[in-house]
Structure formats: C-alpha cells, structure tokens
Amino acid sequence: MRLAFAVLASLLVFSLVTPGADAAPRPGCECPTPSIDRLQQWLASGEGTTVPPTGNLLVREGNRYTAKVSFLNAEWHVVVVWLGNQFEAQADLSRSAGFWLTYRASDDLYVQLRPASHWSGGDKWLTLVPSTGGKVVTKFFSFAPRAWTSLPELGTPAYSFASALREARGLVFVGKTPNELAFSGLRIAGYRPPCL
C-alpha cells in the first residue's frame, strides 16, 4: 500500500515539474465558441491597413483556433484582445507574474496593457514582442514594471503601470511595419477568462 502511494505521489510531482507539462491547453478548457486559451475576442480594430480589415481574427486549424492577421504598409496597426471577452469587463492582474504568448511574427511589434479608465489613445504602457522570423515560438512576458515602457511617438501614459494591472481591459498588439502574424496561445498566470 505504501509503495502504491509513493508511486502515485512521484507521478504527481513529475507531472507538476516536467517542463512543458502545462504548455498545451487541456481538453475541455476552451470555450464552447471559438477561443484561444478561453479568449474569444481577437479583433482587427480597423486602425491601419490589415487583412482582414475588421472583425474577429479566429480561424480553425485542425481542432484548435489561431488568430491570423496581416499588417500592410508603414502605418500603425491595432489588434485587440479583450481579457474578459467583452469590452465592459476588466481583470485585476496585479498578482499575476505575466503571460505566455505562442505566436509567429515576420517583424517586431508591441503589446500594450490597456486599462479600463484609459482605454483610448496610443499613450499606453507597452513591451516589445520580437519577430520570430516566421517561426512559431512561445515566449513569457513579465508584468514586472521594468519590462514595460512607452514610445515617445505614441505618448507617455498619465497613469501608473500598477493601476493598469489592477484594471486591465485588454492586451492590444500594435505595429508600424508590414507583418504576418498568427497567435495560437495566450495564457495569463493566475487568470482564467470567463467564457461568454
């Protein structure tokens, strides 16, 4: 009996510490409508020339979904992900370490953390999302304040990064160069989006 318990305990510990054990979504974890890690709203905003120009970017690939968009021309483009799956929702991410993004990008871009109280405009806290050379990668983005900055061209936020974490409405991907993008994972540590 003790041997069986020891074997079960070691299997549990192994499954918890094995690298990549939590990398893929578990069956039943997605929403009943199209989603990526329970995030259902991946939207082309109509800002900048994109393909598609507006609307939800989710497309089926096998038994999963991917958000695909092309940025065209040398102008600012905007792709929005609503963290609570509706515009009015917000999430307190102040205790989250950050998020894992699985994506491919042919050029660099940025992701902005947009709070509910300061949603509009370009003057947001952001961090670089580096080009992957067209390969699919998974990268962790920390919510440590030193990892986030602003761009002079877009303006300096008039609010603290800590306040943005407390009232996060969305992650917004922005870029000023032509780019071929595909997002297939976005998991925020300690946060489970509600399905709508």
N, C-alpha and C. Protein backbone atom coordinates (compact mmCIF):
# COMPACT_ATOMS: atom_id res chain seq x y z
N MET A 1 0.82 -1.19 0.00
CA MET A 1 0.00 0.00 0.00
C MET A 1 0.87 1.26 0.00
N ARG A 2 1.93 1.26 0.87
CA ARG A 2 2.82 2.42 0.91
C ARG A 2 3.56 2.59 -0.41
N LEU A 3 3.91 1.47 -1.06
CA LEU A 3 4.60 1.53 -2.35
C LEU A 3 3.70 2.16 -3.41
N ALA A 4 2.44 1.76 -3.43
CA ALA A 4 1.49 2.33 -4.40
C ALA A 4 1.32 3.82 -4.17
N PHE A 5 1.24 4.24 -2.92
CA PHE A 5 1.10 5.66 -2.60
C PHE A 5 2.34 6.44 -3.04
N ALA A 6 3.52 5.86 -2.81
CA ALA A 6 4.77 6.52 -3.20
C ALA A 6 4.85 6.69 -4.71
N VAL A 7 4.41 5.66 -5.45
CA VAL A 7 4.43 5.74 -6.92
C VAL A 7 3.47 6.83 -7.39
N LEU A 8 2.26 6.87 -6.83
CA LEU A 8 1.30 7.90 -7.22
C LEU A 8 1.81 9.29 -6.89
N ALA A 9 2.41 9.44 -5.72
CA ALA A 9 2.95 10.74 -5.34
C ALA A 9 4.07 11.18 -6.27
N SER A 10 4.95 10.27 -6.64
CA SER A 10 6.05 10.63 -7.54
C SER A 10 5.53 10.99 -8.93
N LEU A 11 4.49 10.30 -9.40
CA LEU A 11 3.91 10.64 -10.70
C LEU A 11 3.29 12.03 -10.66
N LEU A 12 2.61 12.37 -9.55
CA LEU A 12 2.02 13.69 -9.42
C LEU A 12 3.10 14.77 -9.43
N VAL A 13 4.15 14.58 -8.66
CA VAL A 13 5.25 15.55 -8.62
C VAL A 13 5.89 15.67 -9.99
N PHE A 14 6.11 14.55 -10.68
CA PHE A 14 6.72 14.57 -12.01
C PHE A 14 5.85 15.37 -12.98
N SER A 15 4.53 15.17 -12.92
CA SER A 15 3.65 15.89 -13.85
C SER A 15 3.63 17.38 -13.56
N LEU A 16 3.88 17.77 -12.30
CA LEU A 16 3.87 19.18 -11.96
C LEU A 16 5.16 19.89 -12.33
N VAL A 17 6.28 19.18 -12.32
CA VAL A 17 7.57 19.84 -12.57
C VAL A 17 8.14 19.57 -13.95
N THR A 18 7.56 18.67 -14.70
CA THR A 18 8.08 18.38 -16.04
C THR A 18 7.95 19.60 -16.93
N PRO A 19 9.04 20.07 -17.56
CA PRO A 19 8.94 21.24 -18.45
C PRO A 19 7.93 20.97 -19.55
N GLY A 20 7.08 21.95 -19.79
CA GLY A 20 6.11 21.84 -20.86
C GLY A 20 4.87 21.06 -20.47
N ALA A 21 4.79 20.59 -19.22
CA ALA A 21 3.64 19.80 -18.82
C ALA A 21 2.35 20.59 -18.92
N ASP A 22 2.43 21.92 -18.77
CA ASP A 22 1.24 22.75 -18.82
C ASP A 22 1.21 23.61 -20.08
N ALA A 23 2.03 23.27 -21.06
CA ALA A 23 2.16 24.12 -22.25
C ALA A 23 0.94 24.07 -23.16
N ALA A 24 0.34 22.90 -23.32
CA ALA A 24 -0.79 22.76 -24.23
C ALA A 24 -2.10 22.85 -23.45
N PRO A 25 -3.13 23.47 -24.02
CA PRO A 25 -4.41 23.52 -23.35
C PRO A 25 -4.95 22.12 -23.09
N ARG A 26 -5.55 21.93 -21.93
CA ARG A 26 -6.13 20.63 -21.59
C ARG A 26 -7.50 20.51 -22.22
N PRO A 27 -7.93 19.30 -22.60
CA PRO A 27 -9.26 19.13 -23.19
C PRO A 27 -10.33 19.69 -22.26
N GLY A 28 -11.31 20.37 -22.86
CA GLY A 28 -12.40 20.92 -22.08
C GLY A 28 -12.11 22.29 -21.49
N CYS A 29 -10.91 22.81 -21.71
CA CYS A 29 -10.55 24.11 -21.14
C CYS A 29 -10.95 25.27 -22.03
N GLU A 30 -11.23 25.02 -23.29
CA GLU A 30 -11.63 26.10 -24.18
C GLU A 30 -13.11 26.41 -24.01
N CYS A 31 -13.53 27.52 -24.59
CA CYS A 31 -14.94 27.92 -24.54
C CYS A 31 -15.73 27.17 -25.61
N PRO A 32 -17.07 27.11 -25.47
CA PRO A 32 -17.87 26.40 -26.47
C PRO A 32 -17.90 27.10 -27.83
N THR A 33 -17.58 28.37 -27.86
CA THR A 33 -17.44 29.09 -29.14
C THR A 33 -15.95 29.32 -29.38
N PRO A 34 -15.54 29.69 -30.59
CA PRO A 34 -14.11 29.81 -30.90
C PRO A 34 -13.33 30.65 -29.89
N SER A 35 -12.18 30.12 -29.45
CA SER A 35 -11.36 30.82 -28.48
C SER A 35 -9.93 30.30 -28.53
N ILE A 36 -9.03 31.08 -27.99
CA ILE A 36 -7.64 30.68 -27.77
C ILE A 36 -7.39 30.86 -26.28
N ASP A 37 -7.14 29.77 -25.58
CA ASP A 37 -6.96 29.82 -24.12
C ASP A 37 -8.08 30.61 -23.46
N ARG A 38 -9.32 30.35 -23.90
CA ARG A 38 -10.56 30.94 -23.37
C ARG A 38 -10.72 32.41 -23.73
N LEU A 39 -9.86 32.96 -24.54
CA LEU A 39 -10.01 34.33 -25.01
C LEU A 39 -10.74 34.29 -26.35
N GLN A 40 -11.96 34.83 -26.38
CA GLN A 40 -12.84 34.69 -27.54
C GLN A 40 -12.81 35.89 -28.48
N GLN A 41 -12.30 37.03 -28.02
CA GLN A 41 -12.34 38.25 -28.82
C GLN A 41 -10.93 38.66 -29.24
N TRP A 42 -10.55 38.31 -30.46
CA TRP A 42 -9.29 38.72 -31.09
C TRP A 42 -9.70 39.56 -32.30
N LEU A 43 -9.59 40.87 -32.17
CA LEU A 43 -10.25 41.77 -33.10
C LEU A 43 -9.30 42.67 -33.88
N ALA A 44 -9.50 42.72 -35.20
CA ALA A 44 -8.86 43.75 -36.02
C ALA A 44 -9.71 45.00 -35.84
N SER A 45 -9.09 46.09 -35.39
CA SER A 45 -9.86 47.27 -34.98
C SER A 45 -10.24 48.19 -36.13
N GLY A 46 -9.65 47.99 -37.31
CA GLY A 46 -9.88 48.92 -38.40
C GLY A 46 -8.87 50.05 -38.43
N GLU A 47 -7.93 50.05 -37.46
CA GLU A 47 -6.88 51.07 -37.43
C GLU A 47 -5.66 50.52 -38.15
N GLY A 48 -5.23 51.18 -39.22
CA GLY A 48 -4.17 50.67 -40.06
C GLY A 48 -4.74 49.71 -41.09
N THR A 49 -3.99 49.50 -42.15
CA THR A 49 -4.45 48.61 -43.22
C THR A 49 -4.09 47.17 -42.86
N THR A 50 -5.10 46.36 -42.61
CA THR A 50 -4.89 44.97 -42.21
C THR A 50 -5.76 44.05 -43.05
N VAL A 51 -5.37 42.78 -43.09
CA VAL A 51 -6.19 41.73 -43.71
C VAL A 51 -6.39 40.64 -42.67
N PRO A 52 -7.64 40.45 -42.21
CA PRO A 52 -8.86 41.18 -42.57
C PRO A 52 -8.85 42.60 -41.99
N PRO A 53 -9.67 43.48 -42.54
CA PRO A 53 -9.66 44.88 -42.10
C PRO A 53 -10.30 45.09 -40.73
N THR A 54 -11.33 44.31 -40.41
CA THR A 54 -12.02 44.41 -39.12
C THR A 54 -12.55 43.03 -38.75
N GLY A 55 -13.05 42.92 -37.53
CA GLY A 55 -13.73 41.70 -37.10
C GLY A 55 -12.83 40.72 -36.38
N ASN A 56 -13.43 39.59 -35.99
CA ASN A 56 -12.72 38.57 -35.23
C ASN A 56 -11.73 37.84 -36.14
N LEU A 57 -10.53 37.61 -35.62
CA LEU A 57 -9.44 37.03 -36.41
C LEU A 57 -9.32 35.51 -36.27
N LEU A 58 -10.18 34.89 -35.46
CA LEU A 58 -10.04 33.47 -35.19
C LEU A 58 -10.41 32.61 -36.38
N VAL A 59 -9.50 31.69 -36.73
CA VAL A 59 -9.75 30.72 -37.80
C VAL A 59 -9.41 29.34 -37.26
N ARG A 60 -10.18 28.34 -37.71
CA ARG A 60 -9.96 26.97 -37.24
C ARG A 60 -8.75 26.37 -37.94
N GLU A 61 -7.88 25.72 -37.15
CA GLU A 61 -6.76 24.95 -37.68
C GLU A 61 -6.77 23.60 -36.97
N GLY A 62 -7.28 22.58 -37.65
CA GLY A 62 -7.43 21.28 -37.01
C GLY A 62 -8.50 21.36 -35.95
N ASN A 63 -8.15 20.99 -34.71
CA ASN A 63 -9.14 21.05 -33.63
C ASN A 63 -8.92 22.26 -32.72
N ARG A 64 -8.14 23.24 -33.19
CA ARG A 64 -7.84 24.44 -32.40
C ARG A 64 -8.12 25.68 -33.25
N TYR A 65 -7.97 26.84 -32.62
CA TYR A 65 -8.13 28.12 -33.32
C TYR A 65 -6.84 28.93 -33.26
N THR A 66 -6.62 29.70 -34.31
CA THR A 66 -5.49 30.62 -34.41
C THR A 66 -6.05 31.98 -34.83
N ALA A 67 -5.46 33.05 -34.30
CA ALA A 67 -5.83 34.40 -34.73
C ALA A 67 -4.79 34.85 -35.75
N LYS A 68 -5.23 35.08 -36.98
CA LYS A 68 -4.31 35.45 -38.06
C LYS A 68 -4.64 36.83 -38.60
N VAL A 69 -3.59 37.63 -38.84
CA VAL A 69 -3.78 38.95 -39.41
C VAL A 69 -2.50 39.36 -40.14
N SER A 70 -2.67 40.13 -41.19
CA SER A 70 -1.55 40.73 -41.91
C SER A 70 -1.59 42.23 -41.73
N PHE A 71 -0.46 42.81 -41.31
CA PHE A 71 -0.32 44.26 -41.28
C PHE A 71 0.29 44.68 -42.61
N LEU A 72 -0.33 45.65 -43.28
CA LEU A 72 0.17 46.16 -44.55
C LEU A 72 0.61 47.62 -44.38
N ASN A 73 1.57 48.04 -45.14
CA ASN A 73 2.01 49.44 -45.17
C ASN A 73 2.75 49.87 -43.90
N ALA A 74 3.43 51.01 -44.02
CA ALA A 74 4.19 51.58 -42.90
C ALA A 74 3.29 52.56 -42.16
N GLU A 75 2.41 52.02 -41.31
CA GLU A 75 1.45 52.81 -40.53
C GLU A 75 1.09 52.00 -39.30
N TRP A 76 0.52 52.64 -38.28
CA TRP A 76 0.16 51.92 -37.07
C TRP A 76 -1.05 51.02 -37.31
N HIS A 77 -0.92 49.78 -36.86
CA HIS A 77 -1.99 48.78 -36.94
C HIS A 77 -2.35 48.37 -35.52
N VAL A 78 -3.61 47.96 -35.32
CA VAL A 78 -4.08 47.65 -33.97
C VAL A 78 -4.92 46.36 -33.97
N VAL A 79 -4.52 45.42 -33.10
CA VAL A 79 -5.28 44.19 -32.87
C VAL A 79 -5.58 44.12 -31.37
N VAL A 80 -6.86 43.94 -31.04
CA VAL A 80 -7.33 43.99 -29.66
C VAL A 80 -7.71 42.60 -29.16
N VAL A 81 -7.31 42.30 -27.91
CA VAL A 81 -7.78 41.09 -27.22
C VAL A 81 -8.44 41.54 -25.92
N TRP A 82 -9.77 41.34 -25.81
CA TRP A 82 -10.49 41.70 -24.59
C TRP A 82 -10.30 40.60 -23.56
N LEU A 83 -9.74 40.94 -22.41
CA LEU A 83 -9.39 39.93 -21.41
C LEU A 83 -10.60 39.28 -20.76
N GLY A 84 -11.71 40.00 -20.66
CA GLY A 84 -12.93 39.42 -20.11
C GLY A 84 -13.94 39.02 -21.16
N ASN A 85 -13.50 39.01 -22.44
CA ASN A 85 -14.30 38.60 -23.59
C ASN A 85 -15.46 39.54 -23.92
N GLN A 86 -15.50 40.69 -23.27
CA GLN A 86 -16.43 41.75 -23.65
C GLN A 86 -15.80 43.08 -23.26
N PHE A 87 -16.16 44.13 -23.97
CA PHE A 87 -15.49 45.42 -23.78
C PHE A 87 -15.65 45.95 -22.36
N GLU A 88 -16.81 45.77 -21.75
CA GLU A 88 -17.07 46.35 -20.44
C GLU A 88 -16.32 45.65 -19.31
N ALA A 89 -15.79 44.47 -19.54
CA ALA A 89 -15.14 43.68 -18.49
C ALA A 89 -13.71 44.17 -18.25
N GLN A 90 -13.21 43.88 -17.05
CA GLN A 90 -11.81 44.14 -16.76
C GLN A 90 -11.32 43.08 -15.78
N ALA A 91 -10.00 42.96 -15.67
CA ALA A 91 -9.39 41.95 -14.81
C ALA A 91 -8.33 42.59 -13.94
N ASP A 92 -8.22 42.11 -12.71
CA ASP A 92 -7.16 42.56 -11.81
C ASP A 92 -5.99 41.61 -11.98
N LEU A 93 -4.94 42.07 -12.64
CA LEU A 93 -3.76 41.25 -12.90
C LEU A 93 -2.60 41.63 -11.98
N SER A 94 -2.89 42.34 -10.91
CA SER A 94 -1.82 42.85 -10.05
C SER A 94 -1.03 41.74 -9.36
N ARG A 95 -1.60 40.55 -9.25
CA ARG A 95 -0.87 39.43 -8.63
C ARG A 95 -0.33 38.45 -9.67
N SER A 96 -0.51 38.75 -10.93
CA SER A 96 -0.02 37.87 -11.99
C SER A 96 1.45 38.17 -12.30
N ALA A 97 2.21 37.12 -12.55
CA ALA A 97 3.63 37.29 -12.92
C ALA A 97 3.79 37.73 -14.36
N GLY A 98 2.82 37.42 -15.22
CA GLY A 98 2.92 37.75 -16.63
C GLY A 98 2.13 36.78 -17.47
N PHE A 99 2.47 36.69 -18.75
CA PHE A 99 1.72 35.81 -19.64
C PHE A 99 2.65 35.13 -20.65
N TRP A 100 2.19 33.96 -21.13
CA TRP A 100 2.87 33.20 -22.17
C TRP A 100 2.13 33.45 -23.47
N LEU A 101 2.87 33.85 -24.48
CA LEU A 101 2.30 34.09 -25.80
C LEU A 101 2.91 33.10 -26.78
N THR A 102 2.06 32.37 -27.49
CA THR A 102 2.51 31.50 -28.58
C THR A 102 2.11 32.18 -29.87
N TYR A 103 3.12 32.48 -30.70
CA TYR A 103 2.86 33.31 -31.87
C TYR A 103 3.95 33.13 -32.91
N ARG A 104 3.67 33.68 -34.09
CA ARG A 104 4.71 33.85 -35.09
C ARG A 104 4.54 35.24 -35.68
N ALA A 105 5.68 35.88 -35.97
CA ALA A 105 5.67 37.25 -36.49
C ALA A 105 6.84 37.43 -37.43
N SER A 106 6.61 38.06 -38.56
CA SER A 106 7.68 38.29 -39.51
C SER A 106 8.47 39.56 -39.19
N ASP A 107 7.97 40.40 -38.27
CA ASP A 107 8.68 41.61 -37.84
C ASP A 107 8.32 41.91 -36.38
N ASP A 108 9.08 42.81 -35.76
CA ASP A 108 8.78 43.21 -34.38
C ASP A 108 7.45 43.94 -34.31
N LEU A 109 6.82 43.87 -33.15
CA LEU A 109 5.64 44.66 -32.84
C LEU A 109 5.64 44.89 -31.33
N TYR A 110 4.58 45.47 -30.81
CA TYR A 110 4.46 45.74 -29.38
C TYR A 110 3.12 45.23 -28.88
N VAL A 111 3.05 44.98 -27.56
CA VAL A 111 1.77 44.72 -26.93
C VAL A 111 1.58 45.76 -25.84
N GLN A 112 0.41 46.39 -25.84
CA GLN A 112 0.05 47.38 -24.84
C GLN A 112 -0.88 46.75 -23.80
N LEU A 113 -0.72 47.16 -22.55
CA LEU A 113 -1.67 46.80 -21.50
C LEU A 113 -2.60 47.99 -21.34
N ARG A 114 -3.86 47.81 -21.73
CA ARG A 114 -4.79 48.94 -21.71
C ARG A 114 -5.78 48.80 -20.56
N PRO A 115 -5.82 49.78 -19.66
CA PRO A 115 -6.76 49.74 -18.54
C PRO A 115 -8.13 50.30 -18.93
N ALA A 116 -9.14 49.94 -18.15
CA ALA A 116 -10.50 50.41 -18.43
C ALA A 116 -10.60 51.93 -18.37
N SER A 117 -9.91 52.57 -17.41
CA SER A 117 -10.06 54.01 -17.24
C SER A 117 -9.29 54.84 -18.27
N HIS A 118 -8.36 54.22 -19.00
CA HIS A 118 -7.58 54.92 -20.01
C HIS A 118 -7.50 54.06 -21.27
N TRP A 119 -8.64 53.65 -21.78
CA TRP A 119 -8.68 52.70 -22.89
C TRP A 119 -8.17 53.32 -24.19
N SER A 120 -8.66 54.47 -24.56
CA SER A 120 -8.38 55.04 -25.88
C SER A 120 -7.01 55.72 -25.95
N GLY A 121 -6.52 55.88 -27.17
CA GLY A 121 -5.27 56.58 -27.40
C GLY A 121 -4.07 55.65 -27.41
N GLY A 122 -2.97 56.16 -27.90
CA GLY A 122 -1.75 55.35 -28.03
C GLY A 122 -0.81 55.43 -26.84
N ASP A 123 -1.06 56.37 -25.92
CA ASP A 123 -0.16 56.62 -24.80
C ASP A 123 -0.34 55.56 -23.71
N LYS A 124 0.16 54.36 -23.98
CA LYS A 124 -0.04 53.21 -23.09
C LYS A 124 1.31 52.59 -22.70
N TRP A 125 1.30 51.84 -21.60
CA TRP A 125 2.45 51.01 -21.24
C TRP A 125 2.52 49.86 -22.23
N LEU A 126 3.73 49.60 -22.73
CA LEU A 126 3.88 48.54 -23.73
C LEU A 126 5.21 47.83 -23.56
N THR A 127 5.32 46.69 -24.22
CA THR A 127 6.57 45.93 -24.24
C THR A 127 6.76 45.34 -25.63
N LEU A 128 8.00 45.14 -26.00
CA LEU A 128 8.33 44.63 -27.32
C LEU A 128 7.93 43.16 -27.46
N VAL A 129 7.31 42.84 -28.60
CA VAL A 129 7.05 41.46 -29.00
C VAL A 129 7.97 41.21 -30.19
N PRO A 130 9.08 40.51 -29.98
CA PRO A 130 10.08 40.41 -31.05
C PRO A 130 9.65 39.51 -32.20
N SER A 131 10.18 39.81 -33.37
CA SER A 131 9.98 38.96 -34.54
C SER A 131 10.44 37.54 -34.24
N THR A 132 9.75 36.58 -34.82
CA THR A 132 10.17 35.18 -34.70
C THR A 132 10.75 34.67 -36.01
N GLY A 133 10.90 35.56 -36.99
CA GLY A 133 11.37 35.12 -38.30
C GLY A 133 10.38 34.19 -38.98
N GLY A 134 9.10 34.31 -38.60
CA GLY A 134 8.06 33.47 -39.20
C GLY A 134 7.89 32.12 -38.55
N LYS A 135 8.70 31.80 -37.52
CA LYS A 135 8.57 30.53 -36.81
C LYS A 135 7.63 30.68 -35.62
N VAL A 136 6.94 29.61 -35.24
CA VAL A 136 6.07 29.64 -34.07
C VAL A 136 6.93 29.46 -32.82
N VAL A 137 6.78 30.38 -31.86
CA VAL A 137 7.51 30.30 -30.60
C VAL A 137 6.55 30.57 -29.45
N THR A 138 6.93 30.15 -28.26
CA THR A 138 6.22 30.52 -27.04
C THR A 138 7.18 31.31 -26.18
N LYS A 139 6.75 32.51 -25.78
CA LYS A 139 7.62 33.43 -25.02
C LYS A 139 6.84 33.95 -23.81
N PHE A 140 7.56 34.08 -22.69
CA PHE A 140 6.95 34.64 -21.49
C PHE A 140 7.21 36.13 -21.44
N PHE A 141 6.16 36.90 -21.13
CA PHE A 141 6.24 38.34 -20.98
C PHE A 141 5.90 38.69 -19.53
N SER A 142 6.88 39.22 -18.82
CA SER A 142 6.72 39.52 -17.40
C SER A 142 5.89 40.79 -17.19
N PHE A 143 5.13 40.81 -16.08
CA PHE A 143 4.43 42.01 -15.67
C PHE A 143 5.28 42.84 -14.70
N ALA A 144 6.56 42.56 -14.60
CA ALA A 144 7.44 43.40 -13.79
C ALA A 144 7.47 44.80 -14.42
N PRO A 145 7.28 45.85 -13.64
CA PRO A 145 7.22 47.21 -14.22
C PRO A 145 8.42 47.57 -15.09
N ARG A 146 9.62 47.09 -14.74
CA ARG A 146 10.81 47.42 -15.53
C ARG A 146 10.77 46.84 -16.95
N ALA A 147 9.88 45.86 -17.19
CA ALA A 147 9.76 45.24 -18.51
C ALA A 147 8.86 46.04 -19.45
N TRP A 148 8.22 47.08 -18.93
CA TRP A 148 7.25 47.86 -19.70
C TRP A 148 7.70 49.30 -19.81
N THR A 149 7.41 49.92 -20.94
CA THR A 149 7.84 51.29 -21.21
C THR A 149 6.77 51.98 -22.05
N SER A 150 7.10 53.10 -22.64
CA SER A 150 6.21 53.78 -23.58
C SER A 150 7.04 54.25 -24.76
N LEU A 151 6.38 54.63 -25.83
CA LEU A 151 7.06 55.15 -27.01
C LEU A 151 6.79 56.64 -27.14
N PRO A 152 7.83 57.47 -27.29
CA PRO A 152 7.61 58.91 -27.44
C PRO A 152 6.61 59.24 -28.55
N GLU A 153 6.66 58.47 -29.63
CA GLU A 153 5.76 58.73 -30.76
C GLU A 153 4.29 58.56 -30.38
N LEU A 154 4.02 57.67 -29.42
CA LEU A 154 2.63 57.41 -29.02
C LEU A 154 2.22 58.17 -27.77
N GLY A 155 3.19 58.67 -27.03
CA GLY A 155 2.89 59.45 -25.83
C GLY A 155 3.19 58.69 -24.55
N THR A 156 3.35 59.44 -23.47
CA THR A 156 3.64 58.88 -22.15
C THR A 156 2.34 58.68 -21.37
N PRO A 157 2.12 57.50 -20.81
CA PRO A 157 0.88 57.28 -20.04
C PRO A 157 0.77 58.24 -18.86
N ALA A 158 -0.45 58.70 -18.61
CA ALA A 158 -0.71 59.61 -17.48
C ALA A 158 -1.18 58.83 -16.26
N TYR A 159 -0.87 57.57 -16.18
CA TYR A 159 -1.28 56.70 -15.08
C TYR A 159 -0.16 55.70 -14.85
N SER A 160 -0.16 55.07 -13.70
CA SER A 160 0.92 54.14 -13.36
C SER A 160 0.70 52.76 -13.99
N PHE A 161 1.79 52.04 -14.15
CA PHE A 161 1.68 50.67 -14.65
C PHE A 161 0.91 49.80 -13.66
N ALA A 162 1.12 50.04 -12.36
CA ALA A 162 0.40 49.27 -11.33
C ALA A 162 -1.11 49.45 -11.46
N SER A 163 -1.56 50.66 -11.75
CA SER A 163 -3.00 50.88 -11.90
C SER A 163 -3.53 50.20 -13.16
N ALA A 164 -2.72 50.15 -14.21
CA ALA A 164 -3.12 49.45 -15.43
C ALA A 164 -3.31 47.96 -15.17
N LEU A 165 -2.45 47.37 -14.35
CA LEU A 165 -2.60 45.96 -14.00
C LEU A 165 -3.87 45.71 -13.20
N ARG A 166 -4.23 46.63 -12.32
CA ARG A 166 -5.41 46.44 -11.47
C ARG A 166 -6.71 46.50 -12.25
N GLU A 167 -6.73 47.24 -13.36
CA GLU A 167 -7.97 47.39 -14.12
C GLU A 167 -7.75 47.08 -15.61
N ALA A 168 -7.10 45.96 -15.88
CA ALA A 168 -6.76 45.59 -17.26
C ALA A 168 -8.02 45.21 -18.04
N ARG A 169 -8.25 45.91 -19.12
CA ARG A 169 -9.38 45.59 -20.00
C ARG A 169 -8.93 44.76 -21.19
N GLY A 170 -7.71 45.02 -21.68
CA GLY A 170 -7.28 44.28 -22.86
C GLY A 170 -5.79 44.35 -23.08
N LEU A 171 -5.31 43.39 -23.85
CA LEU A 171 -3.97 43.44 -24.41
C LEU A 171 -4.14 43.83 -25.86
N VAL A 172 -3.40 44.84 -26.29
CA VAL A 172 -3.56 45.39 -27.64
C VAL A 172 -2.22 45.31 -28.35
N PHE A 173 -2.21 44.59 -29.47
CA PHE A 173 -1.00 44.43 -30.26
C PHE A 173 -0.94 45.54 -31.30
N VAL A 174 0.18 46.26 -31.33
CA VAL A 174 0.34 47.37 -32.26
C VAL A 174 1.67 47.24 -32.99
N GLY A 175 1.68 47.65 -34.24
CA GLY A 175 2.91 47.63 -35.01
C GLY A 175 2.83 48.63 -36.14
N LYS A 176 3.99 49.14 -36.56
CA LYS A 176 4.03 50.18 -37.59
C LYS A 176 4.65 49.70 -38.89
N THR A 177 4.92 48.41 -38.99
CA THR A 177 5.55 47.87 -40.20
C THR A 177 4.71 46.73 -40.75
N PRO A 178 4.87 46.41 -42.04
CA PRO A 178 4.20 45.22 -42.56
C PRO A 178 4.61 43.99 -41.74
N ASN A 179 3.65 43.12 -41.47
CA ASN A 179 3.91 41.99 -40.60
C ASN A 179 2.90 40.89 -40.87
N GLU A 180 3.36 39.66 -40.87
CA GLU A 180 2.47 38.49 -40.96
C GLU A 180 2.41 37.87 -39.58
N LEU A 181 1.23 37.86 -38.98
CA LEU A 181 1.07 37.45 -37.59
C LEU A 181 0.09 36.30 -37.43
N ALA A 182 0.41 35.42 -36.51
CA ALA A 182 -0.51 34.36 -36.10
C ALA A 182 -0.31 34.12 -34.61
N PHE A 183 -1.41 34.13 -33.86
CA PHE A 183 -1.39 33.90 -32.42
C PHE A 183 -2.14 32.60 -32.13
N SER A 184 -1.49 31.68 -31.41
CA SER A 184 -2.16 30.41 -31.11
C SER A 184 -2.21 30.10 -29.62
N GLY A 185 -1.69 30.99 -28.78
CA GLY A 185 -1.77 30.80 -27.34
C GLY A 185 -1.54 32.10 -26.60
N LEU A 186 -2.33 32.31 -25.53
CA LEU A 186 -2.11 33.47 -24.68
C LEU A 186 -2.66 33.10 -23.29
N ARG A 187 -1.76 32.67 -22.43
CA ARG A 187 -2.14 32.24 -21.07
C ARG A 187 -1.57 33.22 -20.06
N ILE A 188 -2.45 33.80 -19.26
CA ILE A 188 -2.05 34.78 -18.25
C ILE A 188 -1.96 34.07 -16.91
N ALA A 189 -0.83 34.15 -16.27
CA ALA A 189 -0.61 33.47 -14.98
C ALA A 189 -1.64 33.93 -13.96
N GLY A 190 -2.36 32.96 -13.38
CA GLY A 190 -3.32 33.27 -12.32
C GLY A 190 -4.63 33.84 -12.78
N TYR A 191 -4.89 33.89 -14.09
CA TYR A 191 -6.15 34.46 -14.58
C TYR A 191 -6.82 33.49 -15.55
N ARG A 192 -8.10 33.22 -15.33
CA ARG A 192 -8.89 32.34 -16.18
C ARG A 192 -10.02 33.16 -16.79
N PRO A 193 -9.95 33.48 -18.09
CA PRO A 193 -11.00 34.29 -18.70
C PRO A 193 -12.36 33.59 -18.63
N PRO A 194 -13.42 34.36 -18.41
CA PRO A 194 -14.77 33.77 -18.39
C PRO A 194 -15.27 33.56 -19.81
N CYS A 195 -15.83 32.41 -20.10
CA CYS A 195 -16.44 32.17 -21.41
C CYS A 195 -17.79 32.89 -21.47
N LEU A 196 -18.10 33.44 -22.63
CA LEU A 196 -19.41 34.08 -22.83
C LEU A 196 -20.30 33.21 -23.70
